[in-house]
Amino acid sequence: MGIFKFTAYLYLVVAAFFVYDGIMRIQAGEAPYMSFAIVAVCIFMFFFRKSQIKKFQNRR
């Protein structure tokens, strides 16, 4: 069960990287839309995984 908790927080690490990437793209004058879209998906997946872990633990 510990690995599932770890993967949920891995989404936050990936989101932080893409926030950095998006900021660097803004400063370079490029379009950061894809980076921020990935950030939104990662944050959604974090909360989705956390809720699924909680449901799995309650079922036991």
N, C-alpha and C. Protein backbone atom coordinates (compact mmCIF):
# COMPACT_ATOMS: atom_id res chain seq x y z
N MET A 1 0.82 -1.19 0.00
CA MET A 1 0.00 0.00 0.00
C MET A 1 0.86 1.25 0.00
N GLY A 2 2.08 1.17 0.49
CA GLY A 2 2.95 2.32 0.58
C GLY A 2 3.32 2.90 -0.78
N ILE A 3 3.47 2.04 -1.79
CA ILE A 3 3.84 2.51 -3.12
C ILE A 3 2.73 3.35 -3.73
N PHE A 4 1.48 3.05 -3.43
CA PHE A 4 0.37 3.82 -3.98
C PHE A 4 0.34 5.23 -3.39
N LYS A 5 0.69 5.36 -2.12
CA LYS A 5 0.77 6.69 -1.51
C LYS A 5 1.92 7.49 -2.12
N PHE A 6 3.01 6.80 -2.43
CA PHE A 6 4.16 7.47 -3.03
C PHE A 6 3.83 8.01 -4.41
N THR A 7 3.13 7.23 -5.22
CA THR A 7 2.82 7.67 -6.58
C THR A 7 1.89 8.87 -6.59
N ALA A 8 1.04 9.01 -5.59
CA ALA A 8 0.17 10.19 -5.54
C ALA A 8 1.01 11.45 -5.38
N TYR A 9 2.02 11.40 -4.55
CA TYR A 9 2.88 12.57 -4.35
C TYR A 9 3.84 12.78 -5.51
N LEU A 10 4.09 11.74 -6.28
CA LEU A 10 4.92 11.88 -7.47
C LEU A 10 4.24 12.81 -8.48
N TYR A 11 2.91 12.79 -8.53
CA TYR A 11 2.19 13.71 -9.41
C TYR A 11 2.45 15.16 -9.01
N LEU A 12 2.58 15.45 -7.72
CA LEU A 12 2.87 16.81 -7.29
C LEU A 12 4.29 17.23 -7.69
N VAL A 13 5.22 16.29 -7.65
CA VAL A 13 6.59 16.59 -8.08
C VAL A 13 6.61 16.92 -9.57
N VAL A 14 5.90 16.14 -10.35
CA VAL A 14 5.82 16.38 -11.79
C VAL A 14 5.14 17.73 -12.06
N ALA A 15 4.10 18.04 -11.30
CA ALA A 15 3.42 19.33 -11.47
C ALA A 15 4.35 20.49 -11.15
N ALA A 16 5.16 20.36 -10.10
CA ALA A 16 6.11 21.42 -9.75
C ALA A 16 7.13 21.62 -10.87
N PHE A 17 7.59 20.53 -11.47
CA PHE A 17 8.53 20.65 -12.58
C PHE A 17 7.90 21.39 -13.76
N PHE A 18 6.65 21.08 -14.08
CA PHE A 18 6.02 21.72 -15.22
C PHE A 18 5.60 23.16 -14.92
N VAL A 19 5.40 23.52 -13.66
CA VAL A 19 5.20 24.92 -13.31
C VAL A 19 6.49 25.69 -13.61
N TYR A 20 7.61 25.11 -13.20
CA TYR A 20 8.91 25.72 -13.50
C TYR A 20 9.12 25.84 -15.00
N ASP A 21 8.79 24.77 -15.74
CA ASP A 21 8.94 24.78 -17.19
C ASP A 21 8.05 25.85 -17.82
N GLY A 22 6.83 25.99 -17.32
CA GLY A 22 5.93 27.01 -17.85
C GLY A 22 6.44 28.41 -17.60
N ILE A 23 6.99 28.64 -16.44
CA ILE A 23 7.54 29.96 -16.12
C ILE A 23 8.75 30.26 -17.01
N MET A 24 9.58 29.26 -17.24
CA MET A 24 10.73 29.46 -18.12
C MET A 24 10.28 29.73 -19.55
N ARG A 25 9.22 29.09 -19.99
CA ARG A 25 8.70 29.34 -21.34
C ARG A 25 8.12 30.75 -21.46
N ILE A 26 7.46 31.23 -20.41
CA ILE A 26 6.93 32.59 -20.43
C ILE A 26 8.08 33.59 -20.57
N GLN A 27 9.14 33.37 -19.81
CA GLN A 27 10.29 34.27 -19.87
C GLN A 27 11.01 34.21 -21.22
N ALA A 28 10.94 33.06 -21.88
CA ALA A 28 11.58 32.91 -23.19
C ALA A 28 10.68 33.42 -24.31
N GLY A 29 9.46 33.78 -24.00
CA GLY A 29 8.55 34.29 -25.02
C GLY A 29 7.81 33.21 -25.77
N GLU A 30 7.80 32.01 -25.25
CA GLU A 30 7.10 30.90 -25.89
C GLU A 30 5.74 30.70 -25.23
N ALA A 31 4.90 29.88 -25.86
CA ALA A 31 3.57 29.60 -25.32
C ALA A 31 3.67 28.52 -24.24
N PRO A 32 3.22 28.80 -23.01
CA PRO A 32 3.33 27.83 -21.92
C PRO A 32 2.07 26.99 -21.72
N TYR A 33 1.16 27.00 -22.68
CA TYR A 33 -0.15 26.39 -22.47
C TYR A 33 -0.07 24.89 -22.17
N MET A 34 0.77 24.18 -22.89
CA MET A 34 0.86 22.74 -22.69
C MET A 34 1.42 22.41 -21.31
N SER A 35 2.40 23.18 -20.86
CA SER A 35 2.98 22.94 -19.53
C SER A 35 1.93 23.13 -18.44
N PHE A 36 1.15 24.19 -18.55
CA PHE A 36 0.14 24.44 -17.53
C PHE A 36 -1.04 23.47 -17.63
N ALA A 37 -1.29 22.95 -18.82
CA ALA A 37 -2.32 21.91 -18.96
C ALA A 37 -1.86 20.63 -18.24
N ILE A 38 -0.59 20.31 -18.36
CA ILE A 38 -0.06 19.13 -17.68
C ILE A 38 -0.10 19.33 -16.17
N VAL A 39 0.16 20.56 -15.71
CA VAL A 39 0.06 20.87 -14.28
C VAL A 39 -1.35 20.61 -13.78
N ALA A 40 -2.35 21.07 -14.54
CA ALA A 40 -3.74 20.87 -14.14
C ALA A 40 -4.09 19.39 -14.07
N VAL A 41 -3.63 18.61 -15.04
CA VAL A 41 -3.90 17.17 -15.04
C VAL A 41 -3.21 16.49 -13.86
N CYS A 42 -1.98 16.89 -13.56
CA CYS A 42 -1.25 16.28 -12.44
C CYS A 42 -1.92 16.59 -11.11
N ILE A 43 -2.39 17.80 -10.93
CA ILE A 43 -3.08 18.14 -9.69
C ILE A 43 -4.39 17.38 -9.57
N PHE A 44 -5.12 17.25 -10.68
CA PHE A 44 -6.35 16.46 -10.67
C PHE A 44 -6.04 15.01 -10.31
N MET A 45 -4.99 14.45 -10.93
CA MET A 45 -4.64 13.06 -10.66
C MET A 45 -4.20 12.86 -9.22
N PHE A 46 -3.55 13.85 -8.62
CA PHE A 46 -3.16 13.75 -7.21
C PHE A 46 -4.38 13.57 -6.33
N PHE A 47 -5.38 14.45 -6.50
CA PHE A 47 -6.57 14.35 -5.66
C PHE A 47 -7.39 13.11 -5.98
N PHE A 48 -7.41 12.71 -7.24
CA PHE A 48 -8.11 11.49 -7.63
C PHE A 48 -7.46 10.26 -6.99
N ARG A 49 -6.14 10.18 -7.05
CA ARG A 49 -5.44 9.05 -6.45
C ARG A 49 -5.61 9.01 -4.94
N LYS A 50 -5.59 10.19 -4.30
CA LYS A 50 -5.78 10.25 -2.85
C LYS A 50 -7.17 9.73 -2.48
N SER A 51 -8.18 10.10 -3.25
CA SER A 51 -9.53 9.62 -2.94
C SER A 51 -9.65 8.11 -3.19
N GLN A 52 -8.99 7.62 -4.23
CA GLN A 52 -9.03 6.19 -4.51
C GLN A 52 -8.29 5.39 -3.42
N ILE A 53 -7.20 5.92 -2.91
CA ILE A 53 -6.48 5.25 -1.83
C ILE A 53 -7.35 5.19 -0.58
N LYS A 54 -8.06 6.30 -0.32
CA LYS A 54 -8.93 6.34 0.86
C LYS A 54 -10.08 5.33 0.71
N LYS A 55 -10.66 5.23 -0.48
CA LYS A 55 -11.73 4.25 -0.71
C LYS A 55 -11.21 2.83 -0.56
N PHE A 56 -10.01 2.58 -1.05
CA PHE A 56 -9.42 1.25 -0.95
C PHE A 56 -9.16 0.87 0.51
N GLN A 57 -8.69 1.83 1.30
CA GLN A 57 -8.44 1.56 2.72
C GLN A 57 -9.74 1.35 3.48
N ASN A 58 -10.77 2.08 3.15
CA ASN A 58 -12.06 1.91 3.82
C ASN A 58 -12.71 0.57 3.49
N ARG A 59 -12.43 0.06 2.32
CA ARG A 59 -13.00 -1.22 1.92
C ARG A 59 -12.40 -2.37 2.71
N ARG A 60 -11.17 -2.21 3.16
CA ARG A 60 -10.51 -3.26 3.94
C ARG A 60 -11.14 -3.27 5.28
